Protein backbone atom coordinates (compact mmCIF):
# COMPACT_ATOMS: atom_id res chain seq x y z
CA UNK A 1 78.82 97.95 114.47
CA UNK A 2 78.82 94.12 114.48
CA UNK A 3 82.13 92.35 114.18
CA UNK A 4 82.56 89.02 112.36
CA UNK A 5 82.19 85.71 114.49
CA UNK A 6 85.71 84.85 113.44
CA UNK A 7 87.12 88.03 115.06
CA UNK A 8 85.17 87.35 118.19
CA UNK A 9 86.64 83.77 118.46
CA UNK A 10 90.07 85.20 118.01
CA UNK A 11 89.46 87.82 120.80
CA UNK A 12 88.47 84.81 123.11
CA UNK A 13 91.86 82.99 122.40
CA UNK A 14 90.96 80.83 119.51
CA UNK A 15 93.67 80.39 116.86
CA UNK A 16 93.57 79.18 113.26
CA UNK A 17 93.98 75.40 113.21
CA UNK A 18 94.79 73.40 110.15
CA UNK A 19 94.87 69.62 110.21
CA UNK A 20 96.02 67.39 107.31
CA UNK A 21 94.20 64.04 107.78
CA UNK A 22 95.59 61.08 106.04
CA UNK A 23 93.19 58.06 105.79
CA UNK A 24 92.53 54.83 103.99
CA UNK A 25 89.25 53.92 102.16
CA UNK A 26 87.93 50.26 102.46
CA UNK A 27 87.84 49.80 98.70
CA UNK A 28 91.47 51.06 98.14
CA UNK A 29 93.47 50.24 101.37
CA UNK A 30 96.90 50.47 99.68
CA UNK A 31 96.19 54.22 98.89
CA UNK A 32 96.51 57.10 101.32
CA UNK A 33 93.87 59.81 100.78
CA UNK A 34 94.50 63.36 102.16
CA UNK A 35 91.91 65.81 103.58
CA UNK A 36 92.55 69.21 104.77
CA UNK A 37 90.38 70.57 107.78
CA UNK A 38 90.62 74.22 108.93
CA UNK A 39 88.70 75.87 111.86
CA UNK A 40 89.24 78.27 114.67
CA UNK A 41 90.08 76.07 117.73
CA UNK A 42 91.65 76.25 121.14
CA UNK A 43 95.30 75.11 121.98
CA UNK A 44 96.41 72.68 123.29
CA UNK A 45 93.21 70.54 123.70
CA UNK A 46 91.67 71.26 120.23
CA UNK A 47 88.03 70.59 121.22
CA UNK A 48 86.55 71.23 117.71
CA UNK A 49 89.17 69.19 115.99
CA UNK A 50 88.49 66.30 118.56
CA UNK A 51 84.92 66.53 118.01
CA UNK A 52 85.34 66.37 114.25
CA UNK A 53 87.70 63.36 114.52
CA UNK A 54 85.29 61.64 116.69
CA UNK A 55 82.57 62.21 114.14
CA UNK A 56 84.99 60.79 111.47
CA UNK A 57 85.82 57.73 113.40
CA UNK A 58 82.14 56.86 114.14
CA UNK A 59 80.20 57.86 110.90
CA UNK A 60 82.71 57.69 107.97
CA UNK A 61 84.44 54.56 106.28
CA UNK A 62 87.83 55.98 105.81
CA UNK A 63 90.20 54.76 108.55
CA UNK A 64 92.42 57.46 110.03
CA UNK A 65 96.05 56.98 109.37
CA UNK A 66 97.85 60.20 110.43
CA UNK A 67 96.71 63.63 111.59
CA UNK A 68 99.15 66.55 111.46
CA UNK A 69 98.16 69.68 113.17
CA UNK A 70 99.21 73.40 112.72
CA UNK A 71 97.98 76.19 114.98
CA UNK A 72 98.57 79.82 115.13
CA UNK A 73 96.94 82.50 117.23
CA UNK A 74 96.42 85.40 114.64
CA UNK A 75 95.63 87.92 117.28
CA UNK A 76 97.91 87.81 120.28
CA UNK A 77 97.35 89.81 123.48
CA UNK A 78 100.12 92.42 122.89
CA UNK A 79 98.80 93.25 119.44
CA UNK A 80 95.21 94.26 120.62
CA UNK A 81 94.98 97.79 121.89
CA UNK A 82 92.02 99.88 122.48
CA UNK A 83 91.60 102.90 120.62
CA UNK A 84 90.18 106.13 122.00
CA UNK A 85 88.95 107.79 118.90
CA UNK A 86 88.55 107.46 115.14
CA UNK A 87 90.58 109.88 112.88
CA UNK A 88 89.18 110.49 109.28
CA UNK A 89 90.92 111.94 106.39
CA UNK A 90 88.97 113.67 103.74
């Protein structure tokens, strides 16, 4: 049985990371725009988020203003237990 790639990442220590990115567009510098980014990433270095922000800074026109990050490991070591068998109820 194949498990989902997201589950495999969680077992490897990745947690769900959400970043609210506030930025300004060149044609409307007085307005702050908002973008929500969400991926599985590793705390505390956030390599996936850093890669995305690097891409943003070099390839997109919107100037970054603020990045707010929330992170949570959905599966913690104490919550994962091996199961010896499967019980089926008919």
